[in-house]
Amino acid sequence: MARFEFKLPDIGEGIAEAEIVAWHVKVGDTIAEDQQIADMMTDKATVEMESPVAGKVVELAGEVGDQVSIGSVLAVIETAGADRAAEPAEDSKDERPLADGAVDATPAQAKEIPVVAVQKVAETAKPEPTSAPRVEPEVAEKEPSGGHVLASPAVRARARDLGIDLAQVRTTSDRIRHADLDAYLLYNGGSVSARGSGAPRKDETIKVVGLRRKIAENMQEAKRRIPHFTLVEEFDVTALEETRAMMNRDRGSNPKLTLLPFLITAMARALPQWPMLNATYDDDANVITRHGALHLGMATQTDNGLMVAVIRDAQDKSVWQLASEILRLAEAARTGKAAREELMGSTITLSSLGPMGGITSTPVINRPEVAIIAVNKVEDKIVPVDGDIEIRKRMNLSLSCDHRVVDGWDAASFMQTLKAYIENPIRLLSA
């Protein structure tokens, strides 16, 4: 028998260490070649580690939540062949995951690479809600391609709890999601697991690791360093909703419009008049940068947590182009295919829970930005209009600002400018 030392390879430029967020094997397990053994998280990505050899696991580097340095031993595997050591870390510079999950390597190296990119995460990920309704597969139509089944750690954990073999689950995308598990259970006469049900259950202790730890750290830092204030304004969106419905009826091959492309367009029109809100603040250097372009951060919910995808130069895009970009970036974030540059560099963030948006909210700023807007739900309300009573569609927008940079007057003035565009669609779309 021989011992193979699997050393943690270089999984990202400038990354010195990675956190263990999940073990999929334990000491004593017999594993196959290419079997997933761990999920590792850096500031940039969560990646799956797969064993390049078959054998018996005799040592593991640590527990969930521990940090492992690049080049150090992650696992020791007892194999049937001669002694073999993993390649040193310095030889792995050409084996880094690409944005689409492929690996840049020569054919001779490819067999030894155990890293498969799973999920890109933003440098400043934060727990803001999704900006676009989540689209799940309606019907499971295709099986995962042969070999390794792609799924997030959360989906894998749920499948284990339900006793489901992921290789038997069909999917309409390139990886298995919660909706695919639901469809599998219903198709086979089972019932969907009661996530969030009121059934009695035992207390459980959850270690804060991985993306949840990053979210916690970022939120704590944002609240500790930024003096927030939130301004809420009510908007009449009756005319805007009528315009949106009219445009959707004649959209052709364009994607269906939600309110978000119109809101982004209104922000692009209003922010040049109030540039202190489209800014970032380096509070270590005491430097404020007022940005000329609008790089709109879009808070997006994924299986692994909140990510902020960025619509570059939103001021140059039509509502149709914005709708397409929202769908593309949301899907890229959820499937782990978003490029690194698509997850950083936002100048102001927009957050929306759609119809679940509540009456009002107090969003937390995505540092180093100085402002964030949360979209609340649209409701029919009875309101007085020119002496008469009408039923109108109304919506609240919540604006949180960094009071070190943005004064209350500027925030209120920006909201009134935004209101003038949103309540007058002709002016909004012709400006």
Protein backbone atom coordinates (compact mmCIF):
# COMPACT_ATOMS: atom_id res chain seq x y z
CA MET A 1 0.00 0.00 0.00
CA ALA A 2 1.11 3.59 -0.57
CA ARG A 3 0.17 6.98 0.85
CA PHE A 4 -0.90 9.78 -1.47
CA GLU A 5 -0.82 13.31 -0.05
CA PHE A 6 -3.46 15.48 -1.69
CA LYS A 7 -2.25 19.06 -1.31
CA LEU A 8 -4.57 22.04 -1.65
CA PRO A 9 -3.84 23.50 -5.11
CA ASP A 10 -3.80 27.16 -6.11
CA ILE A 11 -7.52 27.86 -6.60
CA GLY A 12 -7.40 31.56 -7.36
CA GLU A 13 -4.97 34.36 -8.08
CA GLY A 14 -3.60 35.88 -4.89
CA ILE A 15 -5.34 33.34 -2.63
CA ALA A 16 -3.18 32.19 0.28
CA GLU A 17 -5.68 29.95 2.08
CA ALA A 18 -9.18 28.54 1.84
CA GLU A 19 -11.83 27.62 4.40
CA ILE A 20 -13.24 24.13 4.75
CA VAL A 21 -17.00 24.55 4.38
CA ALA A 22 -17.96 20.87 4.01
CA TRP A 23 -16.39 17.40 4.16
CA HIS A 24 -17.96 14.72 1.97
CA VAL A 25 -15.78 11.91 3.29
CA LYS A 26 -14.43 10.81 6.66
CA VAL A 27 -11.37 8.95 7.85
CA GLY A 28 -11.78 5.28 7.02
CA ASP A 29 -13.93 5.82 3.91
CA THR A 30 -12.98 4.07 0.69
CA ILE A 31 -13.27 6.53 -2.19
CA ALA A 32 -13.14 6.37 -5.97
CA GLU A 33 -11.02 8.47 -8.30
CA ASP A 34 -12.64 11.86 -8.98
CA GLN A 35 -14.96 11.49 -5.97
CA GLN A 36 -15.80 14.75 -4.24
CA ILE A 37 -14.10 14.97 -0.88
CA ALA A 38 -14.55 18.58 0.29
CA ASP A 39 -15.92 22.05 -0.48
CA MET A 40 -13.43 24.89 0.01
CA MET A 41 -14.25 28.60 0.08
CA THR A 42 -12.09 31.63 -0.66
CA ASP A 43 -13.03 35.30 -0.89
CA LYS A 44 -13.77 34.73 -4.58
CA ALA A 45 -15.32 31.29 -4.97
CA THR A 46 -16.55 28.07 -3.44
CA VAL A 47 -14.91 25.11 -5.14
CA GLU A 48 -15.35 21.34 -5.00
CA MET A 49 -12.25 19.26 -4.29
CA GLU A 50 -12.16 15.88 -6.03
CA SER A 51 -9.67 13.14 -5.31
CA PRO A 52 -7.28 12.37 -8.18
CA VAL A 53 -6.79 8.81 -6.86
CA ALA A 54 -8.84 5.93 -5.48
CA GLY A 55 -8.14 4.49 -2.08
CA LYS A 56 -8.84 4.74 1.66
CA VAL A 57 -8.93 8.07 3.51
CA VAL A 58 -6.49 7.92 6.42
CA GLU A 59 -6.10 11.61 7.34
CA LEU A 60 -8.04 14.86 6.89
CA ALA A 61 -6.68 18.37 7.41
CA GLY A 62 -9.19 19.75 9.90
CA GLU A 63 -12.80 20.50 10.73
CA VAL A 64 -15.43 22.59 8.98
CA GLY A 65 -14.53 26.25 9.48
CA ASP A 66 -10.77 25.67 9.59
CA GLN A 67 -8.44 27.50 7.20
CA VAL A 68 -6.04 25.47 5.04
CA SER A 69 -3.03 27.10 3.37
CA ILE A 70 -2.41 26.66 -0.35
CA GLY A 71 0.09 23.82 -0.84
CA SER A 72 -0.54 22.16 2.51
CA VAL A 73 -1.94 18.65 2.81
CA LEU A 74 -5.73 18.53 2.69
CA ALA A 75 -6.11 14.74 2.82
CA VAL A 76 -3.96 11.62 2.92
CA ILE A 77 -5.23 8.65 0.90
CA GLU A 78 -3.90 5.10 1.12
CA THR A 79 -3.64 3.67 -2.38
CA ALA A 80 -2.67 0.33 -3.90
CA GLY A 81 0.22 1.75 -5.96
CA ALA A 82 3.68 3.05 -5.20
CA ASP A 83 4.20 6.10 -2.99
CA ARG A 84 3.14 9.24 -4.77
CA ALA A 85 3.13 12.82 -3.61
CA ALA A 86 0.84 15.55 -4.84
CA GLU A 87 2.43 18.16 -7.06
CA PRO A 88 3.88 21.11 -5.14
CA ALA A 89 1.74 24.23 -4.94
CA GLU A 90 4.12 26.24 -7.12
CA ASP A 91 3.49 23.86 -10.03
CA SER A 92 -0.24 24.52 -9.97
CA LYS A 93 -0.13 28.08 -11.31
CA ASP A 94 -1.56 26.88 -14.64
CA GLU A 95 -4.32 24.84 -13.04
CA ARG A 96 -6.64 27.62 -11.88
CA PRO A 97 -10.40 27.38 -12.32
CA LEU A 98 -11.76 29.43 -15.19
CA ALA A 99 -14.89 31.58 -14.93
CA ASP A 100 -17.09 28.92 -16.49
CA GLY A 101 -15.89 26.14 -14.20
CA ALA A 102 -13.39 24.63 -16.65
CA VAL A 103 -9.73 24.32 -15.71
CA ASP A 104 -6.80 25.78 -17.60
CA ALA A 105 -4.34 22.93 -17.85
CA THR A 106 -2.33 20.93 -20.33
CA PRO A 107 -3.67 17.45 -21.30
CA ALA A 108 -0.96 15.79 -19.22
CA GLN A 109 -1.93 17.81 -16.16
CA ALA A 110 -5.70 17.57 -16.54
CA LYS A 111 -6.04 14.13 -14.89
CA GLU A 112 -4.52 15.37 -11.67
CA ILE A 113 -6.67 18.45 -11.19
CA PRO A 114 -9.25 17.96 -8.43
CA VAL A 115 -10.83 21.40 -8.55
CA VAL A 116 -14.19 22.18 -10.16
CA ALA A 117 -15.50 25.72 -9.80
CA VAL A 118 -18.92 25.73 -8.20
CA GLN A 119 -19.96 29.18 -7.12
CA LYS A 120 -18.47 32.66 -7.57
CA VAL A 121 -19.10 35.03 -4.67
CA ALA A 122 -18.78 38.76 -4.47
CA GLU A 123 -15.97 40.33 -2.44
CA THR A 124 -18.55 42.25 -0.49
CA ALA A 125 -21.39 39.76 -0.43
CA LYS A 126 -24.19 40.81 1.84
CA PRO A 127 -27.61 39.47 2.83
CA GLU A 128 -29.80 41.59 0.60
CA PRO A 129 -32.80 40.04 -1.16
CA THR A 130 -33.08 39.09 -4.78
CA SER A 131 -33.70 41.69 -7.44
CA ALA A 132 -35.60 39.44 -9.83
CA PRO A 133 -38.07 36.58 -9.35
CA ARG A 134 -36.34 33.24 -9.23
CA VAL A 135 -37.01 30.99 -12.19
CA GLU A 136 -37.03 27.29 -11.36
CA PRO A 137 -37.35 24.40 -13.86
CA GLU A 138 -41.01 23.62 -14.44
CA VAL A 139 -40.48 20.07 -15.71
CA ALA A 140 -37.44 17.87 -15.24
CA GLU A 141 -36.44 16.95 -18.77
CA LYS A 142 -32.82 15.87 -18.98
CA GLU A 143 -30.52 13.78 -16.87
CA PRO A 144 -27.20 15.11 -15.64
CA SER A 145 -24.42 14.22 -18.04
CA GLY A 146 -22.52 11.08 -17.11
CA GLY A 147 -19.95 11.13 -14.34
CA HIS A 148 -19.96 13.75 -11.62
CA VAL A 149 -23.35 15.28 -10.80
CA LEU A 150 -23.27 19.06 -10.33
CA ALA A 151 -25.21 20.46 -7.37
CA SER A 152 -24.64 23.00 -4.62
CA PRO A 153 -23.67 21.85 -1.12
CA ALA A 154 -27.16 22.78 0.13
CA VAL A 155 -28.83 20.64 -2.52
CA ARG A 156 -26.47 17.73 -1.80
CA ALA A 157 -27.21 17.95 1.91
CA ARG A 158 -30.96 17.97 1.32
CA ALA A 159 -30.69 15.01 -1.06
CA ARG A 160 -28.77 13.05 1.59
CA ASP A 161 -31.43 13.86 4.19
CA LEU A 162 -34.15 12.65 1.80
CA GLY A 163 -32.24 9.56 0.74
CA ILE A 164 -32.20 10.64 -2.92
CA ASP A 165 -29.50 9.47 -5.34
CA LEU A 166 -28.65 12.62 -7.32
CA ALA A 167 -27.69 10.51 -10.33
CA GLN A 168 -31.38 9.55 -10.65
CA VAL A 169 -32.66 13.15 -10.64
CA ARG A 170 -33.43 14.82 -13.96
CA THR A 171 -32.86 18.55 -14.52
CA THR A 172 -33.41 21.19 -17.20
CA SER A 173 -30.16 23.02 -16.38
CA ASP A 174 -26.51 22.10 -16.01
CA ARG A 175 -26.87 21.31 -12.30
CA ILE A 176 -29.47 19.93 -9.93
CA ARG A 177 -31.47 22.43 -7.85
CA HIS A 178 -34.03 22.26 -5.05
CA ALA A 179 -36.88 22.44 -7.56
CA ASP A 180 -35.51 19.33 -9.29
CA LEU A 181 -35.59 17.45 -5.97
CA ASP A 182 -39.19 18.61 -5.45
CA ALA A 183 -40.14 17.39 -8.93
CA TYR A 184 -38.41 14.06 -8.31
CA LEU A 185 -40.32 13.50 -5.08
CA LEU A 186 -43.67 14.40 -6.61
CA TYR A 187 -43.07 12.27 -9.70
CA ASN A 188 -42.21 9.26 -7.55
CA GLY A 189 -45.24 9.62 -5.34
CA GLY A 190 -43.43 11.19 -2.42
CA SER A 191 -43.98 14.55 -0.81
CA VAL A 192 -41.85 17.65 -0.94
CA SER A 193 -39.75 18.03 2.19
CA ALA A 194 -41.31 20.50 4.56
CA ARG A 195 -38.56 23.12 4.62
CA GLY A 196 -39.69 25.77 7.06
CA SER A 197 -42.73 23.76 8.20
CA GLY A 198 -44.11 24.00 11.69
CA ALA A 199 -43.44 20.34 12.53
CA PRO A 200 -41.67 19.83 15.87
CA ARG A 201 -37.94 19.37 15.58
CA LYS A 202 -34.96 19.20 17.86
CA ASP A 203 -32.66 22.13 18.51
CA GLU A 204 -29.59 22.17 16.31
CA THR A 205 -26.29 23.98 16.47
CA ILE A 206 -25.00 25.42 13.20
CA LYS A 207 -21.41 26.51 12.83
CA VAL A 208 -21.11 29.80 10.95
CA VAL A 209 -18.73 29.04 8.08
CA GLY A 210 -18.27 29.71 4.39
CA LEU A 211 -20.47 32.30 2.69
CA ARG A 212 -22.61 32.75 5.80
CA ARG A 213 -19.48 33.71 7.74
CA LYS A 214 -18.49 36.18 5.01
CA ILE A 215 -21.97 37.70 5.08
CA ALA A 216 -21.83 38.02 8.86
CA GLU A 217 -18.42 39.70 8.74
CA ASN A 218 -19.44 42.11 5.97
CA MET A 219 -22.68 43.08 7.70
CA GLN A 220 -20.95 43.60 11.02
CA GLU A 221 -18.30 45.77 9.37
CA ALA A 222 -20.90 47.78 7.44
CA LYS A 223 -23.00 48.48 10.54
CA ARG A 224 -19.93 49.18 12.69
CA ARG A 225 -18.32 51.64 10.29
CA ILE A 226 -21.29 53.22 8.50
CA PRO A 227 -23.81 55.49 10.27
CA HIS A 228 -26.96 54.51 8.38
CA PHE A 229 -30.14 56.50 7.95
CA THR A 230 -33.15 55.33 5.93
CA LEU A 231 -35.68 57.44 4.05
CA VAL A 232 -38.93 55.87 2.78
CA GLU A 233 -41.05 57.48 0.07
CA GLU A 234 -44.35 56.33 -1.45
CA PHE A 235 -44.62 56.28 -5.25
CA ASP A 236 -47.70 56.07 -7.45
CA VAL A 237 -46.89 53.45 -10.09
CA THR A 238 -50.33 53.22 -11.71
CA ALA A 239 -49.23 54.80 -14.99
CA LEU A 240 -45.93 52.92 -14.95
CA GLU A 241 -47.71 49.59 -14.51
CA GLU A 242 -50.03 50.42 -17.41
CA THR A 243 -47.01 51.30 -19.57
CA ARG A 244 -45.24 48.11 -18.58
CA ALA A 245 -48.30 45.99 -19.45
CA MET A 246 -48.63 47.72 -22.83
CA MET A 247 -44.95 47.14 -23.67
CA ASN A 248 -45.15 43.49 -22.61
CA ARG A 249 -48.10 42.88 -24.92
CA ASP A 250 -45.94 43.84 -27.89
CA ARG A 251 -42.52 42.72 -26.72
CA GLY A 252 -41.78 40.24 -29.53
CA SER A 253 -38.63 38.27 -28.69
CA ASN A 254 -37.68 40.62 -25.85
CA PRO A 255 -37.85 39.34 -22.26
CA LYS A 256 -40.89 40.17 -20.16
CA LEU A 257 -40.48 43.48 -18.37
CA THR A 258 -40.67 43.71 -14.59
CA LEU A 259 -40.58 47.01 -12.70
CA LEU A 260 -36.82 46.75 -12.16
CA PRO A 261 -35.64 47.95 -15.62
CA PHE A 262 -37.83 51.05 -15.23
CA LEU A 263 -36.50 51.72 -11.72
CA ILE A 264 -32.90 51.36 -12.92
CA THR A 265 -33.61 53.74 -15.80
CA ALA A 266 -35.09 56.25 -13.36
CA MET A 267 -32.00 55.95 -11.16
CA ALA A 268 -29.76 56.52 -14.21
CA ARG A 269 -31.72 59.73 -14.97
CA ALA A 270 -31.75 61.04 -11.39
CA LEU A 271 -28.28 60.21 -10.05
CA PRO A 272 -26.32 62.70 -12.23
CA GLN A 273 -28.30 65.45 -10.49
CA TRP A 274 -27.37 64.07 -7.06
CA PRO A 275 -23.91 62.54 -7.57
CA MET A 276 -23.13 62.07 -3.88
CA LEU A 277 -25.37 59.00 -3.87
CA ASN A 278 -23.60 57.28 -6.79
CA ALA A 279 -20.34 57.19 -4.88
CA THR A 280 -17.94 55.04 -2.91
CA TYR A 281 -16.12 56.02 0.27
CA ASP A 282 -12.65 54.81 1.20
CA ASP A 283 -12.85 55.62 4.88
CA ASP A 284 -9.29 54.45 5.51
CA ALA A 285 -7.90 57.00 3.05
CA ASN A 286 -10.73 59.53 3.64
CA VAL A 287 -11.45 59.70 -0.10
CA ILE A 288 -14.89 59.88 -1.73
CA THR A 289 -15.19 58.90 -5.39
CA ARG A 290 -18.26 60.24 -7.21
CA HIS A 291 -18.76 57.95 -10.18
CA GLY A 292 -19.78 59.23 -13.58
CA ALA A 293 -21.14 55.87 -14.75
CA LEU A 294 -23.87 53.86 -13.03
CA HIS A 295 -22.62 50.36 -12.25
CA LEU A 296 -25.78 48.98 -10.68
CA GLY A 297 -25.38 46.28 -8.03
CA MET A 298 -28.26 43.80 -8.12
CA ALA A 299 -28.69 41.73 -4.95
CA THR A 300 -29.41 38.15 -6.07
CA GLN A 301 -30.43 35.14 -3.99
CA THR A 302 -28.62 31.89 -4.78
CA ASP A 303 -28.57 28.44 -3.19
CA ASN A 304 -25.32 29.39 -1.46
CA GLY A 305 -26.42 32.82 -0.22
CA LEU A 306 -26.67 36.42 -1.41
CA MET A 307 -24.50 37.69 -4.25
CA VAL A 308 -24.35 41.15 -5.84
CA ALA A 309 -24.14 40.95 -9.63
CA VAL A 310 -23.24 44.19 -11.40
CA ILE A 311 -24.90 45.75 -14.46
CA ARG A 312 -22.12 47.82 -16.01
CA ASP A 313 -22.92 51.24 -17.51
CA ALA A 314 -26.63 50.94 -16.80
CA GLN A 315 -27.12 54.54 -17.94
CA ASP A 316 -26.40 53.47 -21.55
CA LYS A 317 -28.96 50.64 -21.68
CA SER A 318 -32.63 50.64 -22.70
CA VAL A 319 -35.29 49.00 -20.52
CA TRP A 320 -35.20 45.97 -22.85
CA GLN A 321 -31.43 45.69 -22.57
CA LEU A 322 -31.65 46.05 -18.80
CA ALA A 323 -34.29 43.30 -18.63
CA SER A 324 -32.03 40.96 -20.60
CA GLU A 325 -29.02 41.81 -18.44
CA ILE A 326 -30.97 41.24 -15.22
CA LEU A 327 -31.97 37.75 -16.37
CA ARG A 328 -28.49 36.90 -17.64
CA LEU A 329 -26.64 38.03 -14.52
CA ALA A 330 -29.15 36.46 -12.12
CA GLU A 331 -28.83 33.10 -13.90
CA ALA A 332 -25.04 33.38 -14.04
CA ALA A 333 -24.88 34.10 -10.31
CA ARG A 334 -27.19 31.21 -9.42
CA THR A 335 -25.35 28.68 -11.57
CA GLY A 336 -21.86 29.80 -10.57
CA LYS A 337 -20.97 31.07 -14.07
CA ALA A 338 -20.66 34.78 -13.28
CA ALA A 339 -17.23 36.16 -14.10
CA ARG A 340 -15.28 37.79 -11.29
CA GLU A 341 -15.65 41.27 -12.82
CA GLU A 342 -19.43 40.78 -12.90
CA LEU A 343 -19.46 40.46 -9.11
CA MET A 344 -17.54 43.57 -8.09
CA GLY A 345 -17.25 47.28 -8.76
CA SER A 346 -20.85 48.37 -8.15
CA THR A 347 -21.46 52.05 -7.32
CA ILE A 348 -24.97 51.74 -5.82
CA THR A 349 -27.11 48.67 -5.11
CA LEU A 350 -30.76 47.87 -5.81
CA SER A 351 -32.50 45.17 -3.77
CA SER A 352 -35.94 43.70 -4.32
CA LEU A 353 -38.05 40.85 -2.96
CA GLY A 354 -40.70 41.30 -5.63
CA PRO A 355 -44.25 40.65 -4.39
CA MET A 356 -42.81 39.59 -1.00
CA GLY A 357 -41.16 42.96 -0.53
CA GLY A 358 -43.17 44.05 2.49
CA ILE A 359 -44.44 47.54 3.24
CA THR A 360 -41.04 49.05 4.03
CA SER A 361 -37.48 47.98 4.78
CA THR A 362 -34.14 49.28 6.08
CA PRO A 363 -31.50 47.86 3.73
CA VAL A 364 -27.86 47.64 4.81
CA ILE A 365 -25.35 49.48 2.62
CA ASN A 366 -23.00 47.44 0.46
CA ARG A 367 -19.70 48.92 1.62
CA PRO A 368 -17.81 50.87 0.21
CA GLU A 369 -20.92 52.24 -1.52
CA VAL A 370 -22.79 55.04 0.26
CA ALA A 371 -26.40 54.23 -0.71
CA ILE A 372 -28.74 51.32 -1.37
CA ILE A 373 -32.38 51.23 -2.53
CA ALA A 374 -34.84 48.52 -1.52
CA VAL A 375 -37.99 47.91 -3.57
CA ASN A 376 -41.12 47.10 -1.59
CA LYS A 377 -44.30 45.49 -2.89
CA VAL A 378 -46.92 47.17 -5.08
CA GLU A 379 -50.36 47.46 -3.46
CA ASP A 380 -53.76 48.73 -4.54
CA LYS A 381 -54.75 51.62 -2.27
CA ILE A 382 -57.76 53.90 -2.02
CA VAL A 383 -56.43 57.45 -2.36
CA PRO A 384 -57.91 60.92 -2.95
CA VAL A 385 -57.19 62.27 -6.45
CA ASP A 386 -58.41 65.79 -7.37
CA GLY A 387 -61.30 65.58 -4.93
CA ASP A 388 -62.33 62.07 -5.97
CA ILE A 389 -61.55 58.67 -4.49
CA GLU A 390 -59.62 56.27 -6.73
CA ILE A 391 -57.91 52.92 -6.42
CA ARG A 392 -54.26 53.46 -7.34
CA LYS A 393 -51.18 51.24 -7.41
CA ARG A 394 -48.70 52.45 -4.81
CA MET A 395 -45.21 51.30 -3.85
CA ASN A 396 -42.67 52.33 -1.23
CA LEU A 397 -38.97 52.69 -1.99
CA SER A 398 -36.53 52.61 0.93
CA LEU A 399 -33.24 54.49 0.59
CA SER A 400 -30.45 53.84 3.11
CA CYS A 401 -27.51 56.26 3.05
CA ASP A 402 -24.10 56.70 4.68
CA HIS A 403 -24.60 59.83 6.76
CA ARG A 404 -20.87 60.61 6.65
CA VAL A 405 -21.24 61.28 2.92
CA VAL A 406 -24.92 61.88 2.16
CA ASP A 407 -26.95 64.59 3.89
CA GLY A 408 -30.66 64.17 4.51
CA TRP A 409 -31.43 66.99 2.09
CA ASP A 410 -29.57 65.26 -0.74
CA ALA A 411 -31.32 61.95 -0.01
CA ALA A 412 -34.77 63.55 0.05
CA SER A 413 -34.04 65.57 -3.09
CA PHE A 414 -32.87 62.47 -4.94
CA MET A 415 -36.04 60.59 -3.97
CA GLN A 416 -38.22 63.45 -5.24
CA THR A 417 -36.32 63.50 -8.55
CA LEU A 418 -36.74 59.73 -8.77
CA LYS A 419 -40.44 60.09 -8.00
CA ALA A 420 -40.93 62.59 -10.85
CA TYR A 421 -39.52 60.07 -13.34
CA ILE A 422 -41.29 56.98 -11.99
CA GLU A 423 -44.70 58.66 -11.84
CA ASN A 424 -44.37 60.01 -15.39
CA PRO A 425 -43.40 57.11 -17.71
CA ILE A 426 -43.41 59.30 -20.84
CA ARG A 427 -40.78 61.57 -19.31
CA LEU A 428 -38.86 58.55 -18.01
CA LEU A 429 -38.63 56.79 -21.38
CA SER A 430 -38.09 59.90 -23.50
CA ALA A 431 -35.45 61.61 -21.36
